[in-house]
C-alpha cells in the first residue's frame, strides 16, 4: 500500500492510499487469494456434503413415493396435498405448540429466579454457574430414561410427591396430559441452567446506579424488578423465546425416549392418543419406522415452513421493538 502526493496550488496534499491488491492483474489476484479460499474450502465442502445436498435431495424426495428400496416413483404434489389434510400432522403440530408453551414459560420463570439468585450470591458463584450448566451438556437420552422412571405409574418421585398431598398414583405416561407434563418437565430441567446464565449476563450489564437512584426514591424490590430489571432484560428474553421456539418446534428426543416403549409406528407414535407426538417425531415414525421416505420428506419440509413462520413472527416483534426504541 503506497501513499502518493498531489500538488494543489502552492500546497502539497497527500492522496488516499492505494491498495496494492487492486493494481494486480486478474491472474495475480487469483493466485494471491488462493490460500484464503483454500483455508475456507473445508467449511463449504462439509456444508455442501452434509447440508446443501441432503436438503436438495429431501426436496426432490418429497415429490416421490419411495420405500428406501427399489425404484423411486415420481408422484408430483400428491404428498403435499395429503399433508395439508393429514389429521396426524395437525395433531403433532398442536402437541408441539402446547409443549412449547408448557416448556418455555416455566423455563423462563425458573431461569430468571436462578439468575437473580446467582447475581446476588458473592461466594461460590462460579461453582453454582457450572452446576446449573451441567443439565445442558448431559445426554437427553440418558435423562429421558431417568425421567421415565421419575414419572413411573407405580413408583417414582412424581407419584411420591402426589402421595404426600393425599392423592393416589397417577399413570403419567399413560395419560394424555401426563405425557405432556413429563416431556415439558424434561425440557425445563435441561435448559433452565443455560438460559439462567444468559439472563445473568444481562443482569450484570445493567447500570447499578439505576438501582441506587430507585432506592433513594423509595422504590421497593418488586417495583425495581418490574420497572428497571425486567424492561432491560427484554432483549435477552426475546432471544431466549426465539431460540426456545425454534428448539421446541424441532423437539424430538424428549418425546421419543419417554414414549418409545408405549408405541410403535406413526399411527400410534407419541403414546396414548398421540398426545406426545411432535412434528419431528411424526416425521421420524413415517420415514424410519414405516419406510415412507417420500411422505417423510414432505413432513420435514412442513416442519421447516412452520419453524420459519414462527421465527418470522419473533423477528417482526423484535424489529418493531428496536424501531420504537430508536424513535
Protein backbone atom coordinates (compact mmCIF):
# COMPACT_ATOMS: atom_id res chain seq x y z
CA UNK A 1 0.00 0.00 0.00
CA UNK A 2 1.55 3.29 -1.07
CA UNK A 3 0.78 6.97 -0.49
CA UNK A 4 1.31 9.46 -3.34
CA UNK A 5 1.15 13.27 -3.22
CA UNK A 6 -0.82 15.78 -5.23
CA UNK A 7 0.06 19.44 -5.73
CA UNK A 8 -2.91 21.77 -5.25
CA UNK A 9 -1.75 25.33 -5.94
CA UNK A 10 1.16 26.00 -3.62
CA UNK A 11 0.14 23.20 -1.24
CA UNK A 12 1.13 19.56 -1.32
CA UNK A 13 -1.75 17.23 -0.40
CA UNK A 14 -1.40 13.51 0.30
CA UNK A 15 -3.67 11.41 -1.88
CA UNK A 16 -5.64 8.49 -0.42
CA UNK A 17 -3.62 5.30 -0.01
CA UNK A 18 -3.77 2.93 -2.95
CA UNK A 19 -4.47 -0.73 -2.23
CA UNK A 20 -1.75 -2.73 -3.92
CA UNK A 21 -4.12 -5.70 -4.35
CA UNK A 22 -6.29 -3.66 -6.74
CA UNK A 23 -3.35 -2.89 -9.01
CA UNK A 24 -2.62 -6.57 -9.62
CA UNK A 25 -3.83 -8.40 -12.69
CA UNK A 26 -6.67 -10.89 -12.50
CA UNK A 27 -4.30 -13.85 -12.53
CA UNK A 28 -2.09 -12.35 -9.82
CA UNK A 29 -5.13 -11.65 -7.62
CA UNK A 30 -6.39 -15.19 -8.13
CA UNK A 31 -3.02 -16.66 -7.10
CA UNK A 32 -2.83 -14.35 -4.08
CA UNK A 33 -6.37 -15.26 -2.97
CA UNK A 34 -5.86 -18.99 -3.45
CA UNK A 35 -4.57 -19.67 0.11
CA UNK A 36 -7.55 -17.79 1.57
CA UNK A 37 -10.08 -19.79 -0.43
CA UNK A 38 -8.15 -22.94 0.43
CA UNK A 39 -8.50 -22.20 4.14
CA UNK A 40 -12.25 -21.59 3.75
CA UNK A 41 -12.93 -24.55 1.47
CA UNK A 42 -13.27 -27.27 4.18
CA UNK A 43 -16.26 -25.48 5.70
CA UNK A 44 -18.04 -25.05 2.36
CA UNK A 45 -17.19 -28.63 1.36
CA UNK A 46 -18.66 -30.00 4.59
CA UNK A 47 -21.71 -27.73 4.33
CA UNK A 48 -22.33 -28.81 0.74
CA UNK A 49 -21.91 -32.50 1.60
CA UNK A 50 -23.89 -32.64 4.85
CA UNK A 51 -26.15 -29.60 4.49
CA UNK A 52 -26.97 -28.47 0.97
CA UNK A 53 -27.05 -31.89 -0.73
CA UNK A 54 -29.38 -33.52 1.85
CA UNK A 55 -31.72 -30.51 1.64
CA UNK A 56 -31.87 -30.72 -2.16
CA UNK A 57 -32.35 -34.49 -2.05
CA UNK A 58 -35.13 -34.10 0.55
CA UNK A 59 -36.89 -31.56 -1.66
CA UNK A 60 -36.71 -33.92 -4.64
CA UNK A 61 -37.78 -36.88 -2.49
CA UNK A 62 -40.92 -35.02 -1.33
CA UNK A 63 -42.34 -35.41 -4.85
CA UNK A 64 -41.88 -39.18 -4.90
CA UNK A 65 -43.13 -42.39 -3.35
CA UNK A 66 -40.16 -44.44 -2.15
CA UNK A 67 -39.78 -47.12 0.49
CA UNK A 68 -35.99 -46.94 0.65
CA UNK A 69 -35.56 -49.92 -1.66
CA UNK A 70 -36.33 -50.32 -5.33
CA UNK A 71 -37.21 -47.65 -7.83
CA UNK A 72 -38.22 -44.12 -6.86
CA UNK A 73 -41.66 -43.30 -8.30
CA UNK A 74 -42.47 -39.67 -9.10
CA UNK A 75 -45.99 -38.70 -7.93
CA UNK A 76 -45.93 -34.91 -8.21
CA UNK A 77 -47.54 -32.90 -5.41
CA UNK A 78 -49.65 -35.74 -4.02
CA UNK A 79 -47.64 -35.85 -0.79
CA UNK A 80 -48.19 -32.12 -0.23
CA UNK A 81 -51.92 -32.48 -0.94
CA UNK A 82 -52.16 -35.20 1.68
CA UNK A 83 -50.07 -33.21 4.17
CA UNK A 84 -52.49 -30.26 4.26
CA UNK A 85 -55.34 -32.66 5.13
CA UNK A 86 -53.39 -35.07 7.35
CA UNK A 87 -55.04 -35.10 10.83
CA UNK A 88 -51.97 -36.66 12.43
CA UNK A 89 -49.77 -33.80 11.21
CA UNK A 90 -52.15 -31.25 12.74
CA UNK A 91 -52.27 -33.31 15.91
CA UNK A 92 -48.46 -33.25 16.03
CA UNK A 93 -48.45 -29.51 15.34
CA UNK A 94 -50.93 -28.86 18.17
CA UNK A 95 -48.92 -31.04 20.57
CA UNK A 96 -45.72 -29.25 19.60
CA UNK A 97 -47.23 -25.81 20.28
CA UNK A 98 -48.65 -26.94 23.63
CA UNK A 99 -45.29 -28.42 24.66
CA UNK A 100 -43.60 -25.20 23.55
CA UNK A 101 -45.79 -23.17 25.93
CA UNK A 102 -45.50 -25.71 28.75
CA UNK A 103 -41.73 -25.80 28.36
CA UNK A 104 -40.88 -22.16 27.60
CA UNK A 105 -42.91 -20.42 30.33
CA UNK A 106 -41.53 -22.48 33.26
CA UNK A 107 -38.03 -22.36 31.78
CA UNK A 108 -38.07 -18.54 31.58
CA UNK A 109 -39.57 -18.25 35.06
CA UNK A 110 -37.10 -20.56 36.80
CA UNK A 111 -34.16 -19.24 34.75
CA UNK A 112 -34.95 -15.68 35.87
CA UNK A 113 -35.18 -16.76 39.52
CA UNK A 114 -31.89 -18.68 39.31
CA UNK A 115 -30.17 -15.76 37.55
CA UNK A 116 -31.33 -13.33 40.27
CA UNK A 117 -30.02 -15.69 42.94
CA UNK A 118 -26.67 -16.09 41.18
CA UNK A 119 -26.42 -12.34 40.68
CA UNK A 120 -26.81 -11.71 44.41
CA UNK A 121 -24.52 -14.56 45.52
CA UNK A 122 -20.99 -13.50 46.42
CA UNK A 123 -19.42 -16.78 47.49
CA UNK A 124 -19.06 -19.84 45.21
CA UNK A 125 -20.89 -18.07 42.35
CA UNK A 126 -18.64 -19.69 39.72
CA UNK A 127 -19.30 -23.14 41.19
CA UNK A 128 -23.05 -22.59 41.06
CA UNK A 129 -22.84 -21.45 37.43
CA UNK A 130 -21.02 -24.63 36.45
CA UNK A 131 -23.53 -26.77 38.35
CA UNK A 132 -26.51 -25.12 36.65
CA UNK A 133 -24.91 -25.63 33.23
CA UNK A 134 -24.44 -29.39 33.70
CA UNK A 135 -28.01 -30.36 32.61
CA UNK A 136 -27.47 -28.61 29.27
CA UNK A 137 -24.46 -30.80 28.45
CA UNK A 138 -25.95 -34.04 29.78
CA UNK A 139 -27.28 -36.58 27.27
CA UNK A 140 -31.01 -36.06 26.71
CA UNK A 141 -31.42 -39.78 26.03
CA UNK A 142 -29.96 -40.68 29.41
CA UNK A 143 -32.08 -38.06 31.17
CA UNK A 144 -35.14 -39.21 29.26
CA UNK A 145 -34.67 -42.72 30.65
CA UNK A 146 -34.26 -41.24 34.14
CA UNK A 147 -37.40 -39.10 33.77
CA UNK A 148 -39.39 -42.14 32.58
CA UNK A 149 -38.56 -43.67 35.97
CA UNK A 150 -39.39 -40.46 37.83
CA UNK A 151 -42.82 -40.43 36.16
CA UNK A 152 -43.42 -44.15 36.53
CA UNK A 153 -47.02 -45.23 37.12
CA UNK A 154 -46.32 -47.33 40.24
CA UNK A 155 -43.25 -45.68 41.76
CA UNK A 156 -41.04 -42.67 41.25
CA UNK A 157 -40.58 -39.17 42.59
CA UNK A 158 -43.61 -37.67 40.82
CA UNK A 159 -46.06 -40.10 42.46
CA UNK A 160 -44.23 -39.82 45.78
CA UNK A 161 -44.92 -36.07 45.76
CA UNK A 162 -48.54 -36.63 44.73
CA UNK A 163 -48.97 -39.13 47.59
CA UNK A 164 -47.77 -36.53 50.10
CA UNK A 165 -50.90 -34.50 49.29
CA UNK A 166 -53.18 -37.49 49.81
CA UNK A 167 -53.74 -38.42 46.17
CA UNK A 168 -53.29 -41.82 44.60
CA UNK A 169 -50.73 -42.82 42.00
CA UNK A 170 -51.09 -41.26 38.56
CA UNK A 171 -50.28 -43.17 35.38
CA UNK A 172 -48.27 -40.26 33.99
CA UNK A 173 -47.07 -41.85 30.77
CA UNK A 174 -50.45 -43.47 30.10
CA UNK A 175 -52.28 -40.16 30.46
CA UNK A 176 -52.59 -37.57 27.68
CA UNK A 177 -51.67 -34.59 29.84
CA UNK A 178 -49.33 -36.65 31.99
CA UNK A 179 -47.12 -37.31 28.96
CA UNK A 180 -47.07 -33.59 28.16
CA UNK A 181 -46.13 -32.74 31.75
CA UNK A 182 -43.29 -35.30 31.71
CA UNK A 183 -41.91 -34.01 28.38
CA UNK A 184 -42.15 -30.35 29.40
CA UNK A 185 -40.51 -31.14 32.78
CA UNK A 186 -37.56 -32.75 30.99
CA UNK A 187 -37.28 -29.75 28.65
CA UNK A 188 -37.40 -27.31 31.55
CA UNK A 189 -34.79 -29.23 33.53
CA UNK A 190 -32.46 -29.34 30.52
CA UNK A 191 -32.47 -25.65 29.62
CA UNK A 192 -33.05 -23.70 32.84
CA UNK A 193 -29.31 -23.56 33.61
CA UNK A 194 -28.24 -22.38 30.16
CA UNK A 195 -30.93 -19.69 29.98
CA UNK A 196 -30.19 -18.53 33.52
CA UNK A 197 -26.59 -17.80 32.50
CA UNK A 198 -27.84 -15.71 29.58
CA UNK A 199 -30.14 -13.75 31.87
CA UNK A 200 -27.32 -13.42 34.41
CA UNK A 201 -25.15 -11.78 31.74
CA UNK A 202 -27.98 -9.31 31.11
CA UNK A 203 -28.35 -8.58 34.81
CA UNK A 204 -24.66 -7.81 35.19
CA UNK A 205 -24.81 -5.41 32.23
CA UNK A 206 -27.43 -3.19 33.91
CA UNK A 207 -26.06 0.06 35.29
CA UNK A 208 -26.06 -0.25 39.11
CA UNK A 209 -26.66 3.50 39.53
CA UNK A 210 -30.24 2.95 38.40
CA UNK A 211 -30.88 0.72 41.41
CA UNK A 212 -29.25 3.28 43.69
CA UNK A 213 -31.49 6.03 42.31
CA UNK A 214 -34.56 3.82 42.71
CA UNK A 215 -33.60 3.07 46.32
CA UNK A 216 -33.23 6.79 47.05
CA UNK A 217 -36.70 7.34 45.61
CA UNK A 218 -38.11 4.69 47.94
CA UNK A 219 -38.81 2.02 45.32
CA UNK A 220 -39.18 -1.49 46.73
CA UNK A 221 -37.80 -4.74 45.37
CA UNK A 222 -40.83 -5.66 43.24
CA UNK A 223 -41.17 -2.19 41.77
CA UNK A 224 -37.45 -2.12 40.95
CA UNK A 225 -37.70 -5.51 39.28
CA UNK A 226 -40.69 -4.65 37.08
CA UNK A 227 -39.60 -1.09 36.19
CA UNK A 228 -35.80 -1.44 35.87
CA UNK A 229 -34.67 -5.06 35.69
CA UNK A 230 -37.36 -6.64 33.52
CA UNK A 231 -37.51 -3.91 30.82
CA UNK A 232 -33.75 -4.07 30.31
CA UNK A 233 -33.82 -7.87 30.17
CA UNK A 234 -36.40 -7.79 27.37
CA UNK A 235 -33.87 -8.25 24.51
CA UNK A 236 -32.46 -11.36 26.21
CA UNK A 237 -35.95 -12.66 26.96
CA UNK A 238 -36.90 -12.19 23.29
CA UNK A 239 -33.74 -14.02 22.22
CA UNK A 240 -34.44 -16.92 24.60
CA UNK A 241 -38.04 -17.05 23.39
CA UNK A 242 -36.87 -17.17 19.76
CA UNK A 243 -34.36 -19.94 20.42
CA UNK A 244 -36.91 -21.84 22.56
CA UNK A 245 -39.44 -21.57 19.76
CA UNK A 246 -37.05 -22.96 17.18
CA UNK A 247 -35.88 -25.71 19.55
CA UNK A 248 -39.39 -26.68 20.69
CA UNK A 249 -40.75 -26.86 17.14
CA UNK A 250 -37.96 -29.35 16.39
CA UNK A 251 -38.44 -31.29 19.64
CA UNK A 252 -37.78 -35.00 19.18
CA UNK A 253 -35.56 -36.67 21.77
CA UNK A 254 -37.70 -35.94 24.82
CA UNK A 255 -40.91 -37.27 23.28
CA UNK A 256 -39.23 -40.21 21.56
CA UNK A 257 -37.50 -41.51 24.70
CA UNK A 258 -40.48 -41.04 27.03
CA UNK A 259 -42.99 -42.65 24.65
CA UNK A 260 -40.88 -45.19 22.72
CA UNK A 261 -41.89 -48.09 24.98
CA UNK A 262 -45.57 -47.19 24.65
CA UNK A 263 -45.98 -47.03 20.87
CA UNK A 264 -44.58 -48.08 17.53
CA UNK A 265 -45.32 -46.69 14.07
CA UNK A 266 -46.62 -43.28 13.06
CA UNK A 267 -50.27 -44.16 13.73
CA UNK A 268 -49.58 -44.77 17.43
CA UNK A 269 -46.41 -42.72 17.98
CA UNK A 270 -46.36 -40.37 20.92
CA UNK A 271 -48.08 -42.58 23.45
CA UNK A 272 -51.76 -42.63 24.40
CA UNK A 273 -53.90 -40.80 21.85
CA UNK A 274 -50.75 -39.48 20.14
CA UNK A 275 -50.61 -36.94 22.97
CA UNK A 276 -46.80 -36.85 22.95
CA UNK A 277 -46.48 -36.84 19.16
CA UNK A 278 -44.38 -33.91 17.94
CA UNK A 279 -43.80 -32.90 14.33
CA UNK A 280 -40.26 -34.25 14.17
CA UNK A 281 -41.28 -37.46 15.97
CA UNK A 282 -44.05 -37.88 13.37
CA UNK A 283 -41.51 -37.38 10.59
CA UNK A 284 -39.19 -39.96 12.19
CA UNK A 285 -42.00 -42.51 12.57
CA UNK A 286 -43.20 -42.13 8.98
CA UNK A 287 -39.76 -42.17 7.37
CA UNK A 288 -37.75 -44.59 9.50
CA UNK A 289 -40.38 -46.86 11.04
CA UNK A 290 -42.88 -47.12 8.18
CA UNK A 291 -40.26 -46.62 5.43
CA UNK A 292 -42.34 -43.95 3.65
CA UNK A 293 -39.43 -41.73 2.76
CA UNK A 294 -41.29 -39.64 0.22
CA UNK A 295 -44.02 -38.56 2.62
CA UNK A 296 -41.45 -38.27 5.41
CA UNK A 297 -39.54 -35.73 3.32
CA UNK A 298 -42.79 -33.82 2.82
CA UNK A 299 -43.34 -33.70 6.60
CA UNK A 300 -39.76 -32.44 7.02
CA UNK A 301 -40.49 -29.52 4.69
CA UNK A 302 -43.73 -28.89 6.54
CA UNK A 303 -41.74 -28.61 9.78
CA UNK A 304 -39.35 -26.22 8.02
CA UNK A 305 -42.23 -23.96 6.93
CA UNK A 306 -43.73 -23.90 10.44
CA UNK A 307 -40.34 -23.07 12.01
CA UNK A 308 -39.75 -20.27 9.50
CA UNK A 309 -43.25 -18.88 10.14
CA UNK A 310 -42.80 -18.60 13.90
CA UNK A 311 -39.23 -17.35 13.50
CA UNK A 312 -40.54 -14.59 11.23
CA UNK A 313 -43.12 -13.61 13.88
CA UNK A 314 -40.39 -13.39 16.51
CA UNK A 315 -38.19 -11.36 14.15
CA UNK A 316 -41.02 -8.91 13.38
CA UNK A 317 -41.76 -8.42 17.08
CA UNK A 318 -38.08 -7.83 17.83
CA UNK A 319 -37.67 -5.44 14.90
CA UNK A 320 -40.72 -3.37 15.89
CA UNK A 321 -39.40 -3.04 19.42
CA UNK A 322 -36.00 -1.84 18.18
CA UNK A 323 -37.68 0.73 15.94
CA UNK A 324 -39.76 2.05 18.89
CA UNK A 325 -36.60 2.37 20.99
CA UNK A 326 -34.79 4.18 18.15
CA UNK A 327 -37.62 6.71 17.87
